[in-house]
C-alpha atoms as a PDB file:
ATOM      1  CA  UNK A   1     -12.531  -1.212   9.494  1.00  0.00           C
ATOM      2  CA  UNK A   2     -13.503  -4.964   9.545  1.00  0.00           C
ATOM      3  CA  UNK A   3     -10.232  -5.596  11.800  1.00  0.00           C
ATOM      4  CA  UNK A   4      -9.432  -9.593  13.164  1.00  0.00           C
ATOM      5  CA  UNK A   5      -7.715 -11.517  15.715  1.00  0.00           C
ATOM      6  CA  UNK A   6      -4.266 -10.535  16.240  1.00  0.00           C
ATOM      7  CA  UNK A   7      -3.189 -13.580  17.730  1.00  0.00           C
ATOM      8  CA  UNK A   8      -3.593 -15.754  13.568  1.00  0.00           C
ATOM      9  CA  UNK A   9      -0.205 -17.478  12.696  1.00  0.00           C
ATOM     10  CA  UNK A  10       1.191 -15.670   8.989  1.00  0.00           C
ATOM     11  CA  UNK A  11      -0.481 -16.843   6.171  1.00  0.00           C
ATOM     12  CA  UNK A  12       0.731 -19.927   4.620  1.00  0.00           C
ATOM     13  CA  UNK A  13       3.327 -20.529   2.491  1.00  0.00           C
ATOM     14  CA  UNK A  14       4.129 -21.236  -1.664  1.00  0.00           C
ATOM     15  CA  UNK A  15       0.688 -18.478  -1.985  1.00  0.00           C
ATOM     16  CA  UNK A  16      -0.576 -17.783  -5.643  1.00  0.00           C
ATOM     17  CA  UNK A  17      -0.453 -13.241  -5.099  1.00  0.00           C
ATOM     18  CA  UNK A  18      -2.955 -12.074  -3.199  1.00  0.00           C
ATOM     19  CA  UNK A  19      -6.895 -10.756  -4.929  1.00  0.00           C
ATOM     20  CA  UNK A  20      -7.066  -7.916  -6.855  1.00  0.00           C
ATOM     21  CA  UNK A  21      -8.714  -5.999  -3.917  1.00  0.00           C
ATOM     22  CA  UNK A  22      -6.195  -5.910  -1.788  1.00  0.00           C
ATOM     23  CA  UNK A  23      -2.501  -5.520  -1.466  1.00  0.00           C
ATOM     24  CA  UNK A  24      -0.782  -7.691   1.575  1.00  0.00           C
ATOM     25  CA  UNK A  25       1.871  -6.166   2.987  1.00  0.00           C
ATOM     26  CA  UNK A  26       4.346  -7.648   5.882  1.00  0.00           C
ATOM     27  CA  UNK A  27       5.709  -5.145   8.325  1.00  0.00           C
ATOM     28  CA  UNK A  28       8.363  -5.852   9.671  1.00  0.00           C
ATOM     29  CA  UNK A  29      11.056  -4.741  12.841  1.00  0.00           C
ATOM     30  CA  UNK A  30      14.594  -4.288  11.966  1.00  0.00           C
ATOM     31  CA  UNK A  31      16.714  -6.359  13.462  1.00  0.00           C
ATOM     32  CA  UNK A  32      19.060  -5.952  17.428  1.00  0.00           C
ATOM     33  CA  UNK A  33      21.659  -3.476  17.866  1.00  0.00           C
ATOM     34  CA  UNK A  34      23.400  -2.260  20.732  1.00  0.00           C
ATOM     35  CA  UNK A  35      21.454   0.253  21.653  1.00  0.00           C
ATOM     36  CA  UNK A  36      18.748  -2.652  22.043  1.00  0.00           C
ATOM     37  CA  UNK A  37      20.086  -4.276  24.015  1.00  0.00           C
ATOM     38  CA  UNK A  38      21.914  -1.603  26.246  1.00  0.00           C
ATOM     39  CA  UNK A  39      18.087   0.466  25.663  1.00  0.00           C
ATOM     40  CA  UNK A  40      19.109   3.400  24.450  1.00  0.00           C
ATOM     41  CA  UNK A  41      16.681   5.384  22.755  1.00  0.00           C
ATOM     42  CA  UNK A  42      17.973   5.355  19.048  1.00  0.00           C
ATOM     43  CA  UNK A  43      15.258   7.981  17.164  1.00  0.00           C
ATOM     44  CA  UNK A  44      16.891   8.953  13.431  1.00  0.00           C
ATOM     45  CA  UNK A  45      19.940   8.637  15.411  1.00  0.00           C
ATOM     46  CA  UNK A  46      21.585   5.910  12.654  1.00  0.00           C
ATOM     47  CA  UNK A  47      22.878   2.687  14.215  1.00  0.00           C
ATOM     48  CA  UNK A  48      23.479  -0.789  12.608  1.00  0.00           C
ATOM     49  CA  UNK A  49      22.734  -3.960  13.430  1.00  0.00           C
ATOM     50  CA  UNK A  50      24.480  -5.985  15.786  1.00  0.00           C
ATOM     51  CA  UNK A  51      25.856  -8.915  15.625  1.00  0.00           C
ATOM     52  CA  UNK A  52      22.271 -11.316  17.097  1.00  0.00           C
ATOM     53  CA  UNK A  53      20.641  -8.205  14.734  1.00  0.00           C
ATOM     54  CA  UNK A  54      21.942  -9.710  11.801  1.00  0.00           C
ATOM     55  CA  UNK A  55      21.024 -13.457  12.794  1.00  0.00           C
ATOM     56  CA  UNK A  56      17.499 -12.209  13.328  1.00  0.00           C
ATOM     57  CA  UNK A  57      17.501 -10.700  10.082  1.00  0.00           C
ATOM     58  CA  UNK A  58      18.210 -13.784   8.085  1.00  0.00           C
ATOM     59  CA  UNK A  59      15.694 -15.799  10.050  1.00  0.00           C
ATOM     60  CA  UNK A  60      13.525 -13.249   8.674  1.00  0.00           C
ATOM     61  CA  UNK A  61      14.277 -12.973   5.346  1.00  0.00           C
ATOM     62  CA  UNK A  62      13.965 -17.315   5.466  1.00  0.00           C
ATOM     63  CA  UNK A  63      11.031 -16.552   6.865  1.00  0.00           C
ATOM     64  CA  UNK A  64       9.446 -14.441   4.269  1.00  0.00           C
ATOM     65  CA  UNK A  65      11.637 -16.100   1.168  1.00  0.00           C
ATOM     66  CA  UNK A  66       8.347 -18.977   1.525  1.00  0.00           C
ATOM     67  CA  UNK A  67       5.752 -16.329   0.180  1.00  0.00           C
ATOM     68  CA  UNK A  68       5.445 -17.177  -3.056  1.00  0.00           C
ATOM     69  CA  UNK A  69       5.629 -13.416  -4.653  1.00  0.00           C
ATOM     70  CA  UNK A  70       6.760 -10.953  -3.241  1.00  0.00           C
ATOM     71  CA  UNK A  71       6.789  -8.050  -5.853  1.00  0.00           C
ATOM     72  CA  UNK A  72       8.867  -5.272  -3.363  1.00  0.00           C
ATOM     73  CA  UNK A  73      10.691  -4.365  -0.572  1.00  0.00           C
ATOM     74  CA  UNK A  74      10.441  -0.700   0.665  1.00  0.00           C
ATOM     75  CA  UNK A  75      12.374   0.382   3.866  1.00  0.00           C
ATOM     76  CA  UNK A  76      13.258   3.225   6.482  1.00  0.00           C
ATOM     77  CA  UNK A  77      16.814   4.946   4.416  1.00  0.00           C
ATOM     78  CA  UNK A  78      18.347   3.799   8.819  1.00  0.00           C
ATOM     79  CA  UNK A  79      20.924   1.959   8.341  1.00  0.00           C
ATOM     80  CA  UNK A  80      19.273  -0.625  10.921  1.00  0.00           C
ATOM     81  CA  UNK A  81      15.830  -1.225   8.998  1.00  0.00           C
ATOM     82  CA  UNK A  82      17.649  -0.993   5.526  1.00  0.00           C
ATOM     83  CA  UNK A  83      20.786  -3.429   6.509  1.00  0.00           C
ATOM     84  CA  UNK A  84      17.628  -5.984   7.269  1.00  0.00           C
ATOM     85  CA  UNK A  85      15.811  -5.434   4.246  1.00  0.00           C
ATOM     86  CA  UNK A  86      18.374  -5.868   1.936  1.00  0.00           C
ATOM     87  CA  UNK A  87      19.412  -9.617   3.860  1.00  0.00           C
ATOM     88  CA  UNK A  88      14.918  -9.600   2.965  1.00  0.00           C
ATOM     89  CA  UNK A  89      15.384  -8.893  -0.856  1.00  0.00           C
ATOM     90  CA  UNK A  90      18.557 -11.197  -1.375  1.00  0.00           C
ATOM     91  CA  UNK A  91      16.174 -14.079  -0.475  1.00  0.00           C
ATOM     92  CA  UNK A  92      13.291 -12.982  -1.706  1.00  0.00           C
ATOM     93  CA  UNK A  93      14.841 -13.658  -5.612  1.00  0.00           C
ATOM     94  CA  UNK A  94      17.301 -10.187  -5.357  1.00  0.00           C
ATOM     95  CA  UNK A  95      14.555  -7.262  -5.522  1.00  0.00           C
ATOM     96  CA  UNK A  96      15.716  -3.876  -5.418  1.00  0.00           C
ATOM     97  CA  UNK A  97      15.148  -2.653  -1.597  1.00  0.00           C
ATOM     98  CA  UNK A  98      13.156   0.822  -2.511  1.00  0.00           C
ATOM     99  CA  UNK A  99      14.272   2.823   0.497  1.00  0.00           C
ATOM    100  CA  UNK A 100      11.794   5.570   1.669  1.00  0.00           C
ATOM    101  CA  UNK A 101      12.196   7.930   4.989  1.00  0.00           C
ATOM    102  CA  UNK A 102       8.492   8.499   5.720  1.00  0.00           C
ATOM    103  CA  UNK A 103       9.351   5.150   7.504  1.00  0.00           C
ATOM    104  CA  UNK A 104      12.641   6.178   9.817  1.00  0.00           C
ATOM    105  CA  UNK A 105      11.646   5.782  13.122  1.00  0.00           C
ATOM    106  CA  UNK A 106      10.235   8.718  16.047  1.00  0.00           C
ATOM    107  CA  UNK A 107      12.821  11.364  15.903  1.00  0.00           C
ATOM    108  CA  UNK A 108      12.877  11.525  19.860  1.00  0.00           C
ATOM    109  CA  UNK A 109      14.578  15.117  19.613  1.00  0.00           C
ATOM    110  CA  UNK A 110      17.341  15.415  23.214  1.00  0.00           C
ATOM    111  CA  UNK A 111      15.665  11.842  23.946  1.00  0.00           C
ATOM    112  CA  UNK A 112      17.811  10.589  21.538  1.00  0.00           C
ATOM    113  CA  UNK A 113      21.292   8.744  23.441  1.00  0.00           C
ATOM    114  CA  UNK A 114      19.505   8.085  26.288  1.00  0.00           C
ATOM    115  CA  UNK A 115      19.057   5.122  28.623  1.00  0.00           C
ATOM    116  CA  UNK A 116      15.580   4.504  28.707  1.00  0.00           C
ATOM    117  CA  UNK A 117      15.086   3.456  32.170  1.00  0.00           C
ATOM    118  CA  UNK A 118      17.399   7.105  33.896  1.00  0.00           C
ATOM    119  CA  UNK A 119      14.753   9.494  32.289  1.00  0.00           C
ATOM    120  CA  UNK A 120      13.752  11.870  34.369  1.00  0.00           C
ATOM    121  CA  UNK A 121       9.452  11.610  34.986  1.00  0.00           C
ATOM    122  CA  UNK A 122       8.830  13.914  32.316  1.00  0.00           C
ATOM    123  CA  UNK A 123      10.834  12.913  29.761  1.00  0.00           C
ATOM    124  CA  UNK A 124       9.141   9.651  30.077  1.00  0.00           C
ATOM    125  CA  UNK A 125       5.638  10.668  30.245  1.00  0.00           C
ATOM    126  CA  UNK A 126       5.782  13.022  26.976  1.00  0.00           C
ATOM    127  CA  UNK A 127       7.275   9.134  25.312  1.00  0.00           C
ATOM    128  CA  UNK A 128       4.741   7.149  26.153  1.00  0.00           C
ATOM    129  CA  UNK A 129       2.377   9.811  25.093  1.00  0.00           C
ATOM    130  CA  UNK A 130      -0.588   9.349  22.851  1.00  0.00           C
ATOM    131  CA  UNK A 131      -0.729  12.751  21.610  1.00  0.00           C
ATOM    132  CA  UNK A 132       0.231  15.263  19.794  1.00  0.00           C
ATOM    133  CA  UNK A 133       2.825  16.806  23.071  1.00  0.00           C
ATOM    134  CA  UNK A 134       5.748  17.423  20.689  1.00  0.00           C
ATOM    135  CA  UNK A 135       9.596  15.858  22.549  1.00  0.00           C
ATOM    136  CA  UNK A 136      12.084  18.265  23.485  1.00  0.00           C
ATOM    137  CA  UNK A 137      15.197  19.302  21.211  1.00  0.00           C
ATOM    138  CA  UNK A 138      12.839  18.776  17.795  1.00  0.00           C
ATOM    139  CA  UNK A 139      11.218  15.151  17.986  1.00  0.00           C
ATOM    140  CA  UNK A 140       7.630  14.013  16.992  1.00  0.00           C
ATOM    141  CA  UNK A 141       5.217  13.775  18.709  1.00  0.00           C
ATOM    142  CA  UNK A 142       3.329  10.257  18.173  1.00  0.00           C
ATOM    143  CA  UNK A 143       0.328  11.930  15.794  1.00  0.00           C
ATOM    144  CA  UNK A 144       2.847  13.431  13.601  1.00  0.00           C
ATOM    145  CA  UNK A 145       4.732   9.820  13.487  1.00  0.00           C
ATOM    146  CA  UNK A 146       1.190   8.379  12.887  1.00  0.00           C
ATOM    147  CA  UNK A 147       0.051  10.417  10.118  1.00  0.00           C
ATOM    148  CA  UNK A 148       3.497  10.279   8.501  1.00  0.00           C
ATOM    149  CA  UNK A 149       4.044   5.973   9.014  1.00  0.00           C
ATOM    150  CA  UNK A 150      -0.039   6.236   7.569  1.00  0.00           C
ATOM    151  CA  UNK A 151       0.514   7.844   4.332  1.00  0.00           C
ATOM    152  CA  UNK A 152       3.598   5.912   3.741  1.00  0.00           C
ATOM    153  CA  UNK A 153       2.382   2.800   3.916  1.00  0.00           C
ATOM    154  CA  UNK A 154      -1.553   4.102   1.665  1.00  0.00           C
ATOM    155  CA  UNK A 155       0.882   4.709  -0.510  1.00  0.00           C
ATOM    156  CA  UNK A 156       2.302   1.536  -0.794  1.00  0.00           C
ATOM    157  CA  UNK A 157      -0.060  -0.911  -0.503  1.00  0.00           C
ATOM    158  CA  UNK A 158      -2.291   1.808  -3.740  1.00  0.00           C
ATOM    159  CA  UNK A 159       0.828   1.157  -5.520  1.00  0.00           C
ATOM    160  CA  UNK A 160       0.499  -2.590  -5.140  1.00  0.00           C
ATOM    161  CA  UNK A 161      -3.562  -3.160  -5.429  1.00  0.00           C
ATOM    162  CA  UNK A 162      -3.915  -7.742  -6.023  1.00  0.00           C
ATOM    163  CA  UNK A 163       0.239  -7.825  -4.803  1.00  0.00           C
ATOM    164  CA  UNK A 164       2.773  -8.898  -2.287  1.00  0.00           C
ATOM    165  CA  UNK A 165       5.443  -6.433  -1.153  1.00  0.00           C
ATOM    166  CA  UNK A 166       7.510  -6.486   2.205  1.00  0.00           C
ATOM    167  CA  UNK A 167       7.742  -2.771   4.365  1.00  0.00           C
ATOM    168  CA  UNK A 168      10.930  -2.682   7.074  1.00  0.00           C
ATOM    169  CA  UNK A 169      10.888   0.102   9.765  1.00  0.00           C
ATOM    170  CA  UNK A 170      10.582   0.958  13.143  1.00  0.00           C
ATOM    171  CA  UNK A 171       9.097   0.901  16.893  1.00  0.00           C
ATOM    172  CA  UNK A 172       7.417   3.436  16.948  1.00  0.00           C
ATOM    173  CA  UNK A 173       5.830   3.492  13.786  1.00  0.00           C
ATOM    174  CA  UNK A 174       5.163  -0.411  13.595  1.00  0.00           C
ATOM    175  CA  UNK A 175       3.002   0.901  17.101  1.00  0.00           C
ATOM    176  CA  UNK A 176       1.794   3.694  15.084  1.00  0.00           C
ATOM    177  CA  UNK A 177       0.151   1.144  12.664  1.00  0.00           C
ATOM    178  CA  UNK A 178      -1.438  -0.950  14.847  1.00  0.00           C
ATOM    179  CA  UNK A 179      -3.507   1.795  16.846  1.00  0.00           C
ATOM    180  CA  UNK A 180      -4.371   2.848  13.243  1.00  0.00           C
ATOM    181  CA  UNK A 181      -5.665  -0.635  11.916  1.00  0.00           C
ATOM    182  CA  UNK A 182      -6.887  -1.996  15.346  1.00  0.00           C
ATOM    183  CA  UNK A 183      -7.778   1.574  16.883  1.00  0.00           C
ATOM    184  CA  UNK A 184     -10.612   0.110  19.276  1.00  0.00           C
ATOM    185  CA  UNK A 185      -8.949  -2.885  20.160  1.00  0.00           C
ATOM    186  CA  UNK A 186      -6.395  -2.754  23.101  1.00  0.00           C
ATOM    187  CA  UNK A 187      -2.293  -2.302  22.015  1.00  0.00           C
ATOM    188  CA  UNK A 188      -0.585  -6.209  21.658  1.00  0.00           C
ATOM    189  CA  UNK A 189       1.861  -5.328  23.905  1.00  0.00           C
ATOM    190  CA  UNK A 190       6.141  -4.996  22.584  1.00  0.00           C
ATOM    191  CA  UNK A 191       7.047  -4.381  19.168  1.00  0.00           C
ATOM    192  CA  UNK A 192       9.603  -6.694  19.263  1.00  0.00           C
ATOM    193  CA  UNK A 193      13.263  -6.671  16.511  1.00  0.00           C
ATOM    194  CA  UNK A 194      12.792  -9.163  13.436  1.00  0.00           C
ATOM    195  CA  UNK A 195       8.466  -8.728  14.676  1.00  0.00           C
ATOM    196  CA  UNK A 196       6.326  -9.286  10.998  1.00  0.00           C
ATOM    197  CA  UNK A 197       2.781  -7.839  11.108  1.00  0.00           C
ATOM    198  CA  UNK A 198       0.358  -8.016   8.419  1.00  0.00           C
ATOM    199  CA  UNK A 199      -1.649  -6.443   7.050  1.00  0.00           C
ATOM    200  CA  UNK A 200      -4.422  -6.235   4.455  1.00  0.00           C
ATOM    201  CA  UNK A 201      -5.243  -2.426   2.115  1.00  0.00           C
ATOM    202  CA  UNK A 202      -8.981  -2.981   0.521  1.00  0.00           C
ATOM    203  CA  UNK A 203     -10.181   0.366  -2.028  1.00  0.00           C
ATOM    204  CA  UNK A 204      -8.302   3.295  -0.737  1.00  0.00           C
ATOM    205  CA  UNK A 205      -7.708   3.104   3.793  1.00  0.00           C
ATOM    206  CA  UNK A 206      -9.737   0.219   4.882  1.00  0.00           C
ATOM    207  CA  UNK A 207      -7.307  -2.229   6.208  1.00  0.00           C
ATOM    208  CA  UNK A 208      -7.395  -5.350   8.504  1.00  0.00           C
ATOM    209  CA  UNK A 209      -5.077  -5.977  10.390  1.00  0.00           C
ATOM    210  CA  UNK A 210      -4.052  -9.854  10.111  1.00  0.00           C
ATOM    211  CA  UNK A 211      -1.100 -10.700  12.608  1.00  0.00           C
ATOM    212  CA  UNK A 212       0.335  -9.526  14.935  1.00  0.00           C
ATOM    213  CA  UNK A 213       4.203  -9.523  16.142  1.00  0.00           C
ATOM    214  CA  UNK A 214       5.549 -12.850  14.654  1.00  0.00           C
ATOM    215  CA  UNK A 215       8.761 -14.264  15.876  1.00  0.00           C
ATOM    216  CA  UNK A 216       8.217 -17.747  15.468  1.00  0.00           C
ATOM    217  CA  UNK A 217      11.125 -17.818  13.247  1.00  0.00           C
ATOM    218  CA  UNK A 218      13.208 -16.498  15.836  1.00  0.00           C
ATOM    219  CA  UNK A 219      12.710 -19.819  17.271  1.00  0.00           C
ATOM    220  CA  UNK A 220      13.421 -22.449  14.861  1.00  0.00           C
ATOM    221  CA  UNK A 221      16.735 -24.190  14.637  1.00  0.00           C
END
């Protein structure tokens, strides 16, 4: 799998459709919530955007509206992601947001609602593990999240070859996608709210990571 540098900037504005042999997928993390600000584990608890998160959603929507020919927008059905996606859709010609349950955040089990810094050592190690260890209380393992989110992105990419689409999802889902596309590379750091990554899907499952973690739109006046 060919993977490009993660330090490149977002693709230029105003381009036509990508080449017919790949799908171009803009993967966006939702805007900030009160629980994000508190350092509280959200998981699949349905938390809405706060004021900062709505401003971030507007900023990323303005950024993506400059990309020509966005043909579809997909989103987790969780409120914070769907709100972000809806703002993007409104700026991109009123596209309908397609909800995909496989784009949900990782289910954190008994850890949902807890503060990260207050976790026990055992709970924190379980949360940070990148294997098939499930979290207590019905929480998903990293591998389970990986398989679920990979399946969603493959399904979307295969459907939209030669097109440009947007996917709005959550931090844990994006982390697994990064590790999938950049399997031989190092982790690129924190996944910020309203950040953008760009993936290309060639053939059935050949991925190229074209850009990672862009938040330049959040600093523009």
